[in-house]
Structure formats: structure tokens, C-alpha cells
Amino acid sequence: MAKKAWIERDKKRRALVKKYAPLRAELKAKRDYAGLAQIPRNASPVRVTNRCQLSGRRHAYLRKFGVSRLEFRHLAMNGMIPGVTKASW
């Protein structure tokens, strides 16, 4: 489980990205790089990390399912993800 502070920090970044998205797009279209420099750094979409929705883990994140590999395995074994079965041959 990730620390709550890391998860909250990421939530704040996501909110800033959403807030400044139109302004960033406008400044980029104008090629006003001085104006872009005045916007907070955390408003850049690059600074947002993908995190597991259940545990907050950022490594081994599966985009298709929105969870980490550990949580994916746990959910798949319990039959919580439709269409996912354990491979056997």
C-alpha cells in the first residue's frame, strides 16, 4: 500500500492538470513559452503517474484494468474480472 501522502499528492496534480488544460493548450498554440513557464510545474500532464486504484502502487500498473499486477492477480483468482481465466494447457 502506498503512503496516503503520495496518493493525495497525485490527486492534487490531476486536479491542477485538469484546471490548467485549456490555458496550456492556448499558450502552446500561441507558442508563448514565457507564459507556459508561469504556470505551476505540477500542471503538466507528464508529472501525473498512473497508480493502482486499490492499493496506490505505481509500479507494475496495468493500464487496461487500472490496477497493479498484484491486485490484478488477486481479482482474477477470485473471478472478479470478467473474461479473465488462468491459463492451463
N, C-alpha and C. Protein backbone atom coordinates (compact mmCIF):
# COMPACT_ATOMS: atom_id res chain seq x y z
N MET A 1 0.84 -1.19 0.00
CA MET A 1 0.00 0.00 0.00
C MET A 1 0.88 1.24 0.00
N ALA A 2 0.59 2.14 -0.90
CA ALA A 2 1.34 3.38 -0.97
C ALA A 2 0.94 4.29 0.19
N LYS A 3 1.85 5.18 0.54
CA LYS A 3 1.53 6.13 1.60
C LYS A 3 0.41 7.05 1.13
N LYS A 4 -0.41 7.43 2.06
CA LYS A 4 -1.55 8.30 1.73
C LYS A 4 -1.08 9.63 1.14
N ALA A 5 0.07 10.11 1.62
CA ALA A 5 0.58 11.40 1.14
C ALA A 5 0.89 11.34 -0.36
N TRP A 6 1.44 10.22 -0.82
CA TRP A 6 1.76 10.08 -2.25
C TRP A 6 0.48 10.06 -3.08
N ILE A 7 -0.52 9.37 -2.58
CA ILE A 7 -1.78 9.26 -3.30
C ILE A 7 -2.46 10.63 -3.37
N GLU A 8 -2.47 11.36 -2.26
CA GLU A 8 -3.08 12.68 -2.22
C GLU A 8 -2.33 13.67 -3.10
N ARG A 9 -1.01 13.56 -3.12
CA ARG A 9 -0.19 14.43 -3.97
C ARG A 9 -0.54 14.22 -5.44
N ASP A 10 -0.74 12.97 -5.80
CA ASP A 10 -1.09 12.66 -7.18
C ASP A 10 -2.49 13.20 -7.51
N LYS A 11 -3.41 13.13 -6.55
CA LYS A 11 -4.76 13.68 -6.78
C LYS A 11 -4.69 15.18 -7.02
N LYS A 12 -3.84 15.87 -6.25
CA LYS A 12 -3.68 17.32 -6.43
C LYS A 12 -3.13 17.63 -7.81
N ARG A 13 -2.16 16.83 -8.25
CA ARG A 13 -1.59 17.03 -9.58
C ARG A 13 -2.64 16.84 -10.66
N ARG A 14 -3.46 15.81 -10.53
CA ARG A 14 -4.51 15.56 -11.51
C ARG A 14 -5.50 16.73 -11.57
N ALA A 15 -5.81 17.29 -10.41
CA ALA A 15 -6.72 18.44 -10.37
C ALA A 15 -6.09 19.66 -11.06
N LEU A 16 -4.80 19.89 -10.82
CA LEU A 16 -4.12 21.02 -11.45
C LEU A 16 -4.05 20.85 -12.96
N VAL A 17 -3.80 19.63 -13.42
CA VAL A 17 -3.73 19.36 -14.85
C VAL A 17 -5.07 19.69 -15.49
N LYS A 18 -6.15 19.25 -14.85
CA LYS A 18 -7.50 19.50 -15.37
C LYS A 18 -7.81 21.00 -15.39
N LYS A 19 -7.40 21.70 -14.33
CA LYS A 19 -7.68 23.13 -14.21
C LYS A 19 -6.96 23.95 -15.28
N TYR A 20 -5.69 23.63 -15.53
CA TYR A 20 -4.88 24.43 -16.43
C TYR A 20 -4.85 23.90 -17.88
N ALA A 21 -5.56 22.84 -18.18
CA ALA A 21 -5.50 22.25 -19.53
C ALA A 21 -5.89 23.23 -20.64
N PRO A 22 -7.01 23.98 -20.50
CA PRO A 22 -7.34 24.92 -21.58
C PRO A 22 -6.30 26.03 -21.75
N LEU A 23 -5.81 26.55 -20.63
CA LEU A 23 -4.81 27.62 -20.69
C LEU A 23 -3.52 27.12 -21.31
N ARG A 24 -3.11 25.90 -20.95
CA ARG A 24 -1.89 25.32 -21.52
C ARG A 24 -2.03 25.13 -23.03
N ALA A 25 -3.18 24.66 -23.46
CA ALA A 25 -3.42 24.44 -24.89
C ALA A 25 -3.38 25.77 -25.65
N GLU A 26 -3.98 26.79 -25.05
CA GLU A 26 -3.99 28.12 -25.69
C GLU A 26 -2.57 28.69 -25.80
N LEU A 27 -1.81 28.60 -24.73
CA LEU A 27 -0.44 29.12 -24.74
C LEU A 27 0.45 28.34 -25.70
N LYS A 28 0.24 27.04 -25.78
CA LYS A 28 1.02 26.22 -26.71
C LYS A 28 0.69 26.58 -28.16
N ALA A 29 -0.58 26.85 -28.43
CA ALA A 29 -0.98 27.22 -29.79
C ALA A 29 -0.35 28.55 -30.19
N LYS A 30 -0.25 29.46 -29.22
CA LYS A 30 0.37 30.76 -29.48
C LYS A 30 1.89 30.70 -29.46
N ARG A 31 2.43 29.59 -28.99
CA ARG A 31 3.88 29.41 -28.79
C ARG A 31 4.44 30.43 -27.82
N ASP A 32 3.65 30.70 -26.78
CA ASP A 32 4.06 31.63 -25.73
C ASP A 32 4.72 30.84 -24.60
N TYR A 33 6.00 30.57 -24.76
CA TYR A 33 6.72 29.73 -23.81
C TYR A 33 7.01 30.47 -22.50
N ALA A 34 7.06 31.78 -22.56
CA ALA A 34 7.23 32.56 -21.32
C ALA A 34 5.97 32.43 -20.46
N GLY A 35 4.82 32.44 -21.10
CA GLY A 35 3.56 32.26 -20.38
C GLY A 35 3.44 30.86 -19.81
N LEU A 36 3.91 29.88 -20.56
CA LEU A 36 3.88 28.49 -20.07
C LEU A 36 4.76 28.32 -18.85
N ALA A 37 5.85 29.07 -18.80
CA ALA A 37 6.77 28.97 -17.67
C ALA A 37 6.14 29.51 -16.38
N GLN A 38 5.12 30.37 -16.50
CA GLN A 38 4.46 30.95 -15.33
C GLN A 38 3.46 29.99 -14.69
N ILE A 39 3.01 28.99 -15.45
CA ILE A 39 2.06 28.01 -14.93
C ILE A 39 2.80 27.07 -13.97
N PRO A 40 2.14 26.60 -12.91
CA PRO A 40 2.80 25.67 -11.99
C PRO A 40 3.31 24.41 -12.69
N ARG A 41 4.43 23.90 -12.23
CA ARG A 41 5.02 22.69 -12.84
C ARG A 41 4.10 21.50 -12.74
N ASN A 42 3.39 21.39 -11.64
CA ASN A 42 2.51 20.24 -11.45
C ASN A 42 1.28 20.28 -12.35
N ALA A 43 1.12 21.34 -13.13
CA ALA A 43 0.01 21.42 -14.07
C ALA A 43 0.33 20.71 -15.38
N SER A 44 1.55 20.21 -15.50
CA SER A 44 1.95 19.48 -16.70
C SER A 44 1.46 18.04 -16.62
N PRO A 45 0.82 17.53 -17.68
CA PRO A 45 0.31 16.15 -17.64
C PRO A 45 1.40 15.10 -17.50
N VAL A 46 2.62 15.45 -17.82
CA VAL A 46 3.72 14.49 -17.74
C VAL A 46 4.02 14.11 -16.29
N ARG A 47 3.71 15.00 -15.36
CA ARG A 47 4.05 14.77 -13.96
C ARG A 47 3.03 13.88 -13.23
N VAL A 48 1.95 13.54 -13.89
CA VAL A 48 0.95 12.65 -13.29
C VAL A 48 1.39 11.21 -13.51
N THR A 49 1.33 10.40 -12.46
CA THR A 49 1.72 9.00 -12.58
C THR A 49 0.47 8.11 -12.52
N ASN A 50 0.55 6.99 -13.22
CA ASN A 50 -0.53 6.00 -13.14
C ASN A 50 -0.39 5.24 -11.84
N ARG A 51 -1.47 5.14 -11.10
CA ARG A 51 -1.45 4.41 -9.83
C ARG A 51 -2.60 3.42 -9.77
N CYS A 52 -2.37 2.34 -9.06
CA CYS A 52 -3.40 1.33 -8.85
C CYS A 52 -4.56 1.96 -8.09
N GLN A 53 -5.78 1.68 -8.53
CA GLN A 53 -6.95 2.26 -7.88
C GLN A 53 -7.20 1.66 -6.50
N LEU A 54 -6.71 0.47 -6.27
CA LEU A 54 -6.97 -0.20 -5.00
C LEU A 54 -5.86 0.02 -3.97
N SER A 55 -4.61 -0.12 -4.41
CA SER A 55 -3.51 -0.05 -3.44
C SER A 55 -2.68 1.21 -3.55
N GLY A 56 -2.76 1.92 -4.67
CA GLY A 56 -1.96 3.13 -4.85
C GLY A 56 -0.57 2.85 -5.40
N ARG A 57 -0.27 1.58 -5.66
CA ARG A 57 1.05 1.19 -6.18
C ARG A 57 1.25 1.77 -7.57
N ARG A 58 2.47 2.30 -7.85
CA ARG A 58 2.71 2.92 -9.14
C ARG A 58 3.50 2.04 -10.09
N HIS A 59 4.21 1.07 -9.58
CA HIS A 59 4.96 0.16 -10.45
C HIS A 59 4.09 -1.04 -10.82
N ALA A 60 4.37 -1.63 -11.98
CA ALA A 60 3.64 -2.80 -12.47
C ALA A 60 2.15 -2.49 -12.61
N TYR A 61 1.84 -1.33 -13.17
CA TYR A 61 0.47 -0.87 -13.38
C TYR A 61 -0.03 -1.38 -14.73
N LEU A 62 -1.20 -1.97 -14.75
CA LEU A 62 -1.81 -2.46 -15.98
C LEU A 62 -2.87 -1.46 -16.43
N ARG A 63 -2.60 -0.76 -17.52
CA ARG A 63 -3.49 0.30 -17.98
C ARG A 63 -4.88 -0.20 -18.32
N LYS A 64 -4.94 -1.36 -18.94
CA LYS A 64 -6.23 -1.89 -19.39
C LYS A 64 -7.20 -2.09 -18.23
N PHE A 65 -6.67 -2.47 -17.07
CA PHE A 65 -7.50 -2.77 -15.92
C PHE A 65 -7.45 -1.71 -14.83
N GLY A 66 -6.45 -0.84 -14.86
CA GLY A 66 -6.35 0.24 -13.87
C GLY A 66 -5.87 -0.19 -12.50
N VAL A 67 -5.24 -1.37 -12.44
CA VAL A 67 -4.73 -1.87 -11.16
C VAL A 67 -3.31 -2.41 -11.35
N SER A 68 -2.63 -2.66 -10.24
CA SER A 68 -1.28 -3.21 -10.32
C SER A 68 -1.36 -4.72 -10.58
N ARG A 69 -0.23 -5.31 -10.90
CA ARG A 69 -0.20 -6.74 -11.21
C ARG A 69 -0.63 -7.58 -10.01
N LEU A 70 -0.30 -7.12 -8.81
CA LEU A 70 -0.65 -7.88 -7.61
C LEU A 70 -2.16 -7.89 -7.39
N GLU A 71 -2.76 -6.71 -7.52
CA GLU A 71 -4.22 -6.63 -7.35
C GLU A 71 -4.94 -7.33 -8.50
N PHE A 72 -4.37 -7.24 -9.71
CA PHE A 72 -4.98 -7.92 -10.86
C PHE A 72 -5.04 -9.42 -10.61
N ARG A 73 -3.93 -9.98 -10.13
CA ARG A 73 -3.88 -11.42 -9.87
C ARG A 73 -4.92 -11.81 -8.81
N HIS A 74 -4.99 -11.00 -7.76
CA HIS A 74 -5.94 -11.29 -6.69
C HIS A 74 -7.38 -11.24 -7.20
N LEU A 75 -7.71 -10.23 -7.99
CA LEU A 75 -9.06 -10.10 -8.53
C LEU A 75 -9.37 -11.21 -9.53
N ALA A 76 -8.38 -11.55 -10.36
CA ALA A 76 -8.60 -12.59 -11.37
C ALA A 76 -8.82 -13.95 -10.71
N MET A 77 -8.06 -14.25 -9.68
CA MET A 77 -8.20 -15.54 -8.99
C MET A 77 -9.56 -15.67 -8.31
N ASN A 78 -10.12 -14.54 -7.87
CA ASN A 78 -11.43 -14.56 -7.22
C ASN A 78 -12.59 -14.41 -8.19
N GLY A 79 -12.27 -14.32 -9.49
CA GLY A 79 -13.31 -14.23 -10.51
C GLY A 79 -13.99 -12.88 -10.58
N MET A 80 -13.30 -11.84 -10.14
CA MET A 80 -13.89 -10.50 -10.12
C MET A 80 -13.74 -9.76 -11.44
N ILE A 81 -12.85 -10.26 -12.33
CA ILE A 81 -12.65 -9.63 -13.63
C ILE A 81 -13.26 -10.54 -14.69
N PRO A 82 -14.33 -10.11 -15.35
CA PRO A 82 -14.98 -10.99 -16.32
C PRO A 82 -14.09 -11.26 -17.53
N GLY A 83 -14.11 -12.50 -17.98
CA GLY A 83 -13.36 -12.88 -19.17
C GLY A 83 -11.91 -13.26 -18.93
N VAL A 84 -11.43 -13.14 -17.71
CA VAL A 84 -10.05 -13.47 -17.39
C VAL A 84 -10.03 -14.81 -16.68
N THR A 85 -9.30 -15.76 -17.26
CA THR A 85 -9.14 -17.07 -16.65
C THR A 85 -7.68 -17.43 -16.54
N LYS A 86 -7.36 -18.30 -15.66
CA LYS A 86 -6.00 -18.76 -15.51
C LYS A 86 -5.64 -19.67 -16.69
N ALA A 87 -4.46 -19.45 -17.24
CA ALA A 87 -4.04 -20.25 -18.39
C ALA A 87 -3.67 -21.66 -17.96
N SER A 88 -4.12 -22.65 -18.72
CA SER A 88 -3.71 -24.02 -18.48
C SER A 88 -3.73 -24.75 -19.81
N TRP A 89 -2.71 -25.51 -20.06
CA TRP A 89 -2.63 -26.26 -21.32
C TRP A 89 -1.95 -27.58 -21.13
